[in-house]
N, C-alpha and C. Protein backbone atom coordinates (compact mmCIF):
# COMPACT_ATOMS: atom_id res chain seq x y z
N MET A 1 -19.23 4.06 5.66
CA MET A 1 -18.34 4.52 4.62
C MET A 1 -18.46 6.05 4.55
N THR A 2 -17.34 6.70 4.37
CA THR A 2 -17.33 8.16 4.25
C THR A 2 -17.17 8.57 2.79
N THR A 3 -17.47 9.82 2.54
CA THR A 3 -17.32 10.38 1.19
C THR A 3 -16.17 11.36 1.21
N LEU A 4 -15.38 11.35 0.15
CA LEU A 4 -14.22 12.21 0.04
C LEU A 4 -14.25 12.90 -1.31
N SER A 5 -14.07 14.20 -1.30
CA SER A 5 -14.04 14.95 -2.56
C SER A 5 -12.60 15.35 -2.83
N VAL A 6 -12.08 14.90 -3.97
CA VAL A 6 -10.68 15.14 -4.30
C VAL A 6 -10.58 15.67 -5.72
N PRO A 7 -9.98 16.85 -5.90
CA PRO A 7 -9.78 17.32 -7.27
C PRO A 7 -8.73 16.45 -7.98
N ILE A 8 -9.00 16.12 -9.24
CA ILE A 8 -8.05 15.32 -10.01
C ILE A 8 -7.83 15.97 -11.37
N PRO A 9 -6.66 15.74 -11.95
CA PRO A 9 -6.39 16.29 -13.28
C PRO A 9 -7.27 15.62 -14.34
N SER A 10 -7.45 16.30 -15.44
CA SER A 10 -8.35 15.81 -16.49
C SER A 10 -7.91 14.46 -17.04
N GLU A 11 -6.60 14.19 -17.13
CA GLU A 11 -6.16 12.91 -17.67
C GLU A 11 -6.58 11.74 -16.76
N LEU A 12 -6.66 11.98 -15.45
CA LEU A 12 -7.15 10.92 -14.57
C LEU A 12 -8.66 10.74 -14.71
N GLU A 13 -9.36 11.83 -14.93
CA GLU A 13 -10.80 11.73 -15.18
C GLU A 13 -11.06 10.89 -16.44
N VAL A 14 -10.26 11.11 -17.47
CA VAL A 14 -10.39 10.33 -18.70
C VAL A 14 -10.11 8.85 -18.40
N PHE A 15 -9.07 8.60 -17.63
CA PHE A 15 -8.73 7.22 -17.27
C PHE A 15 -9.90 6.57 -16.52
N ILE A 16 -10.47 7.27 -15.57
CA ILE A 16 -11.59 6.74 -14.79
C ILE A 16 -12.77 6.42 -15.71
N GLN A 17 -13.08 7.34 -16.61
CA GLN A 17 -14.19 7.12 -17.54
C GLN A 17 -13.94 5.90 -18.43
N LYS A 18 -12.71 5.70 -18.87
CA LYS A 18 -12.38 4.54 -19.70
C LYS A 18 -12.52 3.24 -18.91
N GLU A 19 -12.13 3.26 -17.65
CA GLU A 19 -12.29 2.07 -16.81
C GLU A 19 -13.76 1.67 -16.72
N ILE A 20 -14.62 2.67 -16.60
CA ILE A 20 -16.06 2.41 -16.54
C ILE A 20 -16.57 1.93 -17.90
N GLU A 21 -16.15 2.60 -18.97
CA GLU A 21 -16.58 2.21 -20.32
C GLU A 21 -16.15 0.79 -20.67
N TYR A 22 -14.96 0.39 -20.26
CA TYR A 22 -14.45 -0.95 -20.55
C TYR A 22 -15.06 -2.01 -19.63
N GLY A 23 -15.87 -1.57 -18.68
CA GLY A 23 -16.54 -2.51 -17.78
C GLY A 23 -15.68 -3.02 -16.64
N ARG A 24 -14.56 -2.38 -16.40
CA ARG A 24 -13.68 -2.82 -15.32
C ARG A 24 -14.19 -2.38 -13.95
N SER A 25 -15.01 -1.34 -13.94
CA SER A 25 -15.60 -0.82 -12.71
C SER A 25 -16.98 -0.28 -13.03
N PRO A 26 -17.89 -0.38 -12.06
CA PRO A 26 -19.25 0.08 -12.32
C PRO A 26 -19.41 1.60 -12.24
N ASN A 27 -18.51 2.27 -11.50
CA ASN A 27 -18.64 3.71 -11.32
C ASN A 27 -17.31 4.32 -10.89
N LYS A 28 -17.28 5.65 -10.77
CA LYS A 28 -16.04 6.36 -10.43
C LYS A 28 -15.50 5.94 -9.06
N ALA A 29 -16.41 5.82 -8.10
CA ALA A 29 -15.97 5.47 -6.75
C ALA A 29 -15.28 4.11 -6.73
N ALA A 30 -15.81 3.16 -7.51
CA ALA A 30 -15.20 1.83 -7.54
C ALA A 30 -13.80 1.87 -8.15
N VAL A 31 -13.61 2.72 -9.15
CA VAL A 31 -12.28 2.87 -9.76
C VAL A 31 -11.29 3.38 -8.72
N VAL A 32 -11.69 4.40 -8.00
CA VAL A 32 -10.80 5.00 -6.99
C VAL A 32 -10.54 4.02 -5.86
N ARG A 33 -11.58 3.31 -5.40
CA ARG A 33 -11.37 2.32 -4.34
C ARG A 33 -10.39 1.24 -4.79
N ARG A 34 -10.57 0.75 -6.03
CA ARG A 34 -9.66 -0.28 -6.55
C ARG A 34 -8.22 0.23 -6.60
N ALA A 35 -8.07 1.47 -7.04
CA ALA A 35 -6.72 2.06 -7.12
C ALA A 35 -6.09 2.18 -5.72
N LEU A 36 -6.89 2.58 -4.75
CA LEU A 36 -6.35 2.72 -3.39
C LEU A 36 -6.00 1.37 -2.78
N HIS A 37 -6.82 0.35 -3.06
CA HIS A 37 -6.50 -1.00 -2.59
C HIS A 37 -5.20 -1.48 -3.21
N ARG A 38 -5.04 -1.23 -4.50
CA ARG A 38 -3.81 -1.64 -5.18
C ARG A 38 -2.60 -0.91 -4.60
N LEU A 39 -2.73 0.38 -4.33
CA LEU A 39 -1.64 1.15 -3.72
C LEU A 39 -1.27 0.56 -2.36
N ALA A 40 -2.27 0.23 -1.55
CA ALA A 40 -2.00 -0.36 -0.23
C ALA A 40 -1.27 -1.69 -0.37
N GLU A 41 -1.68 -2.51 -1.35
CA GLU A 41 -1.01 -3.79 -1.58
C GLU A 41 0.44 -3.58 -2.01
N GLU A 42 0.66 -2.63 -2.91
CA GLU A 42 2.02 -2.36 -3.39
C GLU A 42 2.91 -1.88 -2.24
N GLU A 43 2.37 -1.04 -1.38
CA GLU A 43 3.17 -0.56 -0.24
C GLU A 43 3.49 -1.70 0.72
N ALA A 44 2.54 -2.61 0.94
CA ALA A 44 2.79 -3.77 1.80
C ALA A 44 3.88 -4.65 1.20
N ILE A 45 3.85 -4.83 -0.11
CA ILE A 45 4.88 -5.62 -0.78
C ILE A 45 6.24 -4.96 -0.62
N GLN A 46 6.30 -3.64 -0.74
CA GLN A 46 7.57 -2.93 -0.57
C GLN A 46 8.13 -3.11 0.84
N VAL A 47 7.26 -3.14 1.84
CA VAL A 47 7.71 -3.37 3.22
C VAL A 47 8.33 -4.76 3.35
N VAL A 48 7.68 -5.75 2.75
CA VAL A 48 8.21 -7.13 2.81
C VAL A 48 9.55 -7.19 2.09
N LEU A 49 9.64 -6.59 0.90
CA LEU A 49 10.90 -6.61 0.15
C LEU A 49 12.01 -5.90 0.91
N GLN A 50 11.69 -4.79 1.56
CA GLN A 50 12.69 -4.07 2.36
C GLN A 50 13.15 -4.95 3.52
N SER A 51 12.22 -5.64 4.14
CA SER A 51 12.58 -6.55 5.24
C SER A 51 13.50 -7.65 4.75
N GLU A 52 13.21 -8.20 3.57
CA GLU A 52 14.07 -9.24 3.02
C GLU A 52 15.47 -8.70 2.72
N ARG A 53 15.54 -7.46 2.21
CA ARG A 53 16.87 -6.86 1.97
C ARG A 53 17.63 -6.71 3.27
N GLU A 54 16.93 -6.28 4.32
CA GLU A 54 17.59 -6.09 5.61
C GLU A 54 18.08 -7.41 6.18
N VAL A 55 17.32 -8.48 6.00
CA VAL A 55 17.78 -9.80 6.44
C VAL A 55 19.04 -10.17 5.67
N GLY A 56 19.04 -9.94 4.37
CA GLY A 56 20.21 -10.24 3.55
C GLY A 56 21.44 -9.43 3.95
N GLU A 57 21.20 -8.23 4.48
CA GLU A 57 22.30 -7.37 4.92
C GLU A 57 22.69 -7.65 6.37
N GLY A 58 22.04 -8.62 6.99
CA GLY A 58 22.37 -8.96 8.38
C GLY A 58 21.77 -8.01 9.40
N LYS A 59 20.79 -7.24 9.03
CA LYS A 59 20.16 -6.29 9.94
C LYS A 59 18.96 -6.93 10.64
N ILE A 60 19.22 -8.01 11.35
CA ILE A 60 18.15 -8.69 12.06
C ILE A 60 18.56 -8.93 13.50
N LEU A 61 17.59 -9.11 14.34
CA LEU A 61 17.85 -9.43 15.74
C LEU A 61 17.63 -10.92 15.94
N ARG A 62 18.53 -11.55 16.67
CA ARG A 62 18.40 -12.98 16.95
C ARG A 62 18.42 -13.18 18.45
N GLY A 63 17.70 -14.18 18.89
CA GLY A 63 17.74 -14.52 20.30
C GLY A 63 16.38 -14.44 20.96
N ASP A 64 16.40 -14.45 22.29
CA ASP A 64 15.18 -14.40 23.09
C ASP A 64 14.61 -12.99 23.01
N LEU A 65 13.39 -12.88 22.57
CA LEU A 65 12.78 -11.57 22.38
C LEU A 65 12.72 -10.78 23.68
N ARG A 66 12.43 -11.44 24.79
CA ARG A 66 12.37 -10.72 26.09
C ARG A 66 13.73 -10.13 26.44
N LEU A 67 14.79 -10.87 26.21
CA LEU A 67 16.13 -10.35 26.50
C LEU A 67 16.50 -9.21 25.54
N LEU A 68 16.14 -9.36 24.28
CA LEU A 68 16.43 -8.31 23.31
C LEU A 68 15.74 -7.01 23.70
N VAL A 69 14.47 -7.08 24.07
CA VAL A 69 13.72 -5.89 24.47
C VAL A 69 14.34 -5.28 25.72
N LYS A 70 14.70 -6.12 26.66
CA LYS A 70 15.31 -5.64 27.91
C LYS A 70 16.61 -4.90 27.61
N ASN A 71 17.43 -5.45 26.71
CA ASN A 71 18.69 -4.82 26.36
C ASN A 71 18.48 -3.53 25.57
N LEU A 72 17.44 -3.48 24.75
CA LEU A 72 17.16 -2.28 23.97
C LEU A 72 16.72 -1.13 24.87
N ARG A 73 16.09 -1.44 25.98
CA ARG A 73 15.59 -0.40 26.91
C ARG A 73 16.69 0.22 27.75
N LYS A 74 17.85 -0.40 27.76
CA LYS A 74 18.97 0.13 28.59
C LYS A 74 19.56 1.35 27.97
């Protein structure tokens, strides 16, 4: 595991301290790790939702994958 030093605004420091006080996290690092995990999950969900929108819009490829790749390379 690596260490990262990141300046944050005072309102986020207050938020982090409250998370620790409320017992949601044992320390500052755990709060930040949890936030980053949540951000990664949210971004993954957005990718899935975008893919679903594209399917609904007909922006999908159908057929034999080998033939599709061959045609895309032309």
